[in-house]
């Protein structure tokens, strides 16, 4: 029996996106945006292009959250660093 083609390309796209840096994922999303804006893109490809772009943007968001959580704030009283608490904003 021949191997089946992947029924869900989204899984493969997510797997591919996991290995990308923020800059790579952002560039891929930007390229897909240009494709979506191109009037010559066939209608049948629009949904897949959009979904793929969403995956790249989710990757960017995920990487930004990791960086955000690692940002440190200097405590002036103890002169030590503590994780930035997103609930306290001046």
C-alpha atoms as a PDB file:
ATOM      1  CA  UNK A   1       0.000   0.000   0.000  1.00  0.00           C
ATOM      2  CA  UNK A   2       1.410   3.406  -0.940  1.00  0.00           C
ATOM      3  CA  UNK A   3       1.882   5.960   1.849  1.00  0.00           C
ATOM      4  CA  UNK A   4      -1.000   8.362   2.176  1.00  0.00           C
ATOM      5  CA  UNK A   5      -0.527  12.007   1.440  1.00  0.00           C
ATOM      6  CA  UNK A   6      -0.952  14.235   4.459  1.00  0.00           C
ATOM      7  CA  UNK A   7      -4.630  15.017   4.862  1.00  0.00           C
ATOM      8  CA  UNK A   8      -3.914  17.959   7.141  1.00  0.00           C
ATOM      9  CA  UNK A   9      -1.281  20.306   5.743  1.00  0.00           C
ATOM     10  CA  UNK A  10      -1.783  22.550   8.794  1.00  0.00           C
ATOM     11  CA  UNK A  11       0.067  20.042  10.974  1.00  0.00           C
ATOM     12  CA  UNK A  12       3.034  20.055   8.626  1.00  0.00           C
ATOM     13  CA  UNK A  13       3.018  23.862   8.381  1.00  0.00           C
ATOM     14  CA  UNK A  14       2.975  24.133  12.186  1.00  0.00           C
ATOM     15  CA  UNK A  15       5.838  21.672  12.425  1.00  0.00           C
ATOM     16  CA  UNK A  16       7.797  23.648   9.839  1.00  0.00           C
ATOM     17  CA  UNK A  17       7.099  26.951  11.634  1.00  0.00           C
ATOM     18  CA  UNK A  18       8.365  25.589  14.969  1.00  0.00           C
ATOM     19  CA  UNK A  19      11.915  25.626  13.660  1.00  0.00           C
ATOM     20  CA  UNK A  20      11.819  29.244  12.532  1.00  0.00           C
ATOM     21  CA  UNK A  21      13.259  32.231  14.332  1.00  0.00           C
ATOM     22  CA  UNK A  22      11.090  35.285  14.894  1.00  0.00           C
ATOM     23  CA  UNK A  23      12.609  37.057  11.917  1.00  0.00           C
ATOM     24  CA  UNK A  24      12.153  34.052   9.632  1.00  0.00           C
ATOM     25  CA  UNK A  25       8.536  33.551  10.648  1.00  0.00           C
ATOM     26  CA  UNK A  26       7.805  37.256  10.221  1.00  0.00           C
ATOM     27  CA  UNK A  27       9.406  37.261   6.774  1.00  0.00           C
ATOM     28  CA  UNK A  28       7.394  34.183   5.757  1.00  0.00           C
ATOM     29  CA  UNK A  29       4.184  35.848   6.956  1.00  0.00           C
ATOM     30  CA  UNK A  30       5.100  38.999   5.037  1.00  0.00           C
ATOM     31  CA  UNK A  31       5.680  37.021   1.836  1.00  0.00           C
ATOM     32  CA  UNK A  32       2.309  35.320   2.233  1.00  0.00           C
ATOM     33  CA  UNK A  33       0.670  38.696   2.799  1.00  0.00           C
ATOM     34  CA  UNK A  34       2.057  39.864  -0.530  1.00  0.00           C
ATOM     35  CA  UNK A  35       0.634  36.721  -2.141  1.00  0.00           C
ATOM     36  CA  UNK A  36      -2.778  37.446  -0.639  1.00  0.00           C
ATOM     37  CA  UNK A  37      -2.662  40.982  -1.987  1.00  0.00           C
ATOM     38  CA  UNK A  38      -1.774  39.738  -5.460  1.00  0.00           C
ATOM     39  CA  UNK A  39      -4.841  39.616  -7.661  1.00  0.00           C
ATOM     40  CA  UNK A  40      -3.417  36.692  -9.605  1.00  0.00           C
ATOM     41  CA  UNK A  41      -3.603  34.284  -6.641  1.00  0.00           C
ATOM     42  CA  UNK A  42      -6.227  31.648  -7.474  1.00  0.00           C
ATOM     43  CA  UNK A  43      -9.233  31.622  -5.194  1.00  0.00           C
ATOM     44  CA  UNK A  44      -8.591  27.994  -4.279  1.00  0.00           C
ATOM     45  CA  UNK A  45      -5.214  28.962  -2.791  1.00  0.00           C
ATOM     46  CA  UNK A  46      -6.384  31.981  -0.809  1.00  0.00           C
ATOM     47  CA  UNK A  47      -7.644  30.058   2.211  1.00  0.00           C
ATOM     48  CA  UNK A  48      -4.512  27.921   2.477  1.00  0.00           C
ATOM     49  CA  UNK A  49      -2.294  30.972   2.103  1.00  0.00           C
ATOM     50  CA  UNK A  50      -4.240  32.760   4.822  1.00  0.00           C
ATOM     51  CA  UNK A  51      -4.039  29.759   7.160  1.00  0.00           C
ATOM     52  CA  UNK A  52      -0.326  29.414   6.594  1.00  0.00           C
ATOM     53  CA  UNK A  53       0.142  33.101   7.367  1.00  0.00           C
ATOM     54  CA  UNK A  54      -1.784  32.654  10.613  1.00  0.00           C
ATOM     55  CA  UNK A  55       0.577  29.853  11.625  1.00  0.00           C
ATOM     56  CA  UNK A  56       3.616  32.055  11.042  1.00  0.00           C
ATOM     57  CA  UNK A  57       2.049  34.899  13.005  1.00  0.00           C
ATOM     58  CA  UNK A  58       1.234  32.514  15.869  1.00  0.00           C
ATOM     59  CA  UNK A  59       4.904  31.487  15.870  1.00  0.00           C
ATOM     60  CA  UNK A  60       5.954  35.145  16.096  1.00  0.00           C
ATOM     61  CA  UNK A  61       3.524  35.743  18.955  1.00  0.00           C
ATOM     62  CA  UNK A  62       4.766  32.671  20.801  1.00  0.00           C
ATOM     63  CA  UNK A  63       8.388  33.777  20.509  1.00  0.00           C
ATOM     64  CA  UNK A  64       7.498  37.294  21.665  1.00  0.00           C
ATOM     65  CA  UNK A  65       5.743  35.898  24.731  1.00  0.00           C
ATOM     66  CA  UNK A  66       8.858  33.926  25.661  1.00  0.00           C
ATOM     67  CA  UNK A  67      10.981  37.058  25.384  1.00  0.00           C
ATOM     68  CA  UNK A  68       8.445  39.116  27.300  1.00  0.00           C
ATOM     69  CA  UNK A  69       8.473  36.628  30.166  1.00  0.00           C
ATOM     70  CA  UNK A  70      12.237  36.755  30.351  1.00  0.00           C
ATOM     71  CA  UNK A  71      12.460  40.541  30.574  1.00  0.00           C
ATOM     72  CA  UNK A  72      13.804  41.541  33.947  1.00  0.00           C
ATOM     73  CA  UNK A  73      13.027  44.555  36.064  1.00  0.00           C
ATOM     74  CA  UNK A  74      15.531  46.089  38.491  1.00  0.00           C
ATOM     75  CA  UNK A  75      14.188  46.517  42.021  1.00  0.00           C
ATOM     76  CA  UNK A  76      15.635  49.846  43.263  1.00  0.00           C
ATOM     77  CA  UNK A  77      15.337  48.839  46.935  1.00  0.00           C
ATOM     78  CA  UNK A  78      17.271  45.588  46.713  1.00  0.00           C
ATOM     79  CA  UNK A  79      19.195  46.256  43.492  1.00  0.00           C
ATOM     80  CA  UNK A  80      18.228  42.784  42.305  1.00  0.00           C
ATOM     81  CA  UNK A  81      16.371  41.771  39.219  1.00  0.00           C
ATOM     82  CA  UNK A  82      12.915  40.302  39.295  1.00  0.00           C
ATOM     83  CA  UNK A  83      10.676  39.071  36.495  1.00  0.00           C
ATOM     84  CA  UNK A  84       8.635  41.864  34.994  1.00  0.00           C
ATOM     85  CA  UNK A  85       5.109  41.694  36.404  1.00  0.00           C
ATOM     86  CA  UNK A  86       2.736  42.501  33.564  1.00  0.00           C
ATOM     87  CA  UNK A  87      -0.016  43.441  36.053  1.00  0.00           C
ATOM     88  CA  UNK A  88       1.833  46.480  37.381  1.00  0.00           C
ATOM     89  CA  UNK A  89       2.213  49.322  34.935  1.00  0.00           C
ATOM     90  CA  UNK A  90       2.972  52.940  35.858  1.00  0.00           C
END
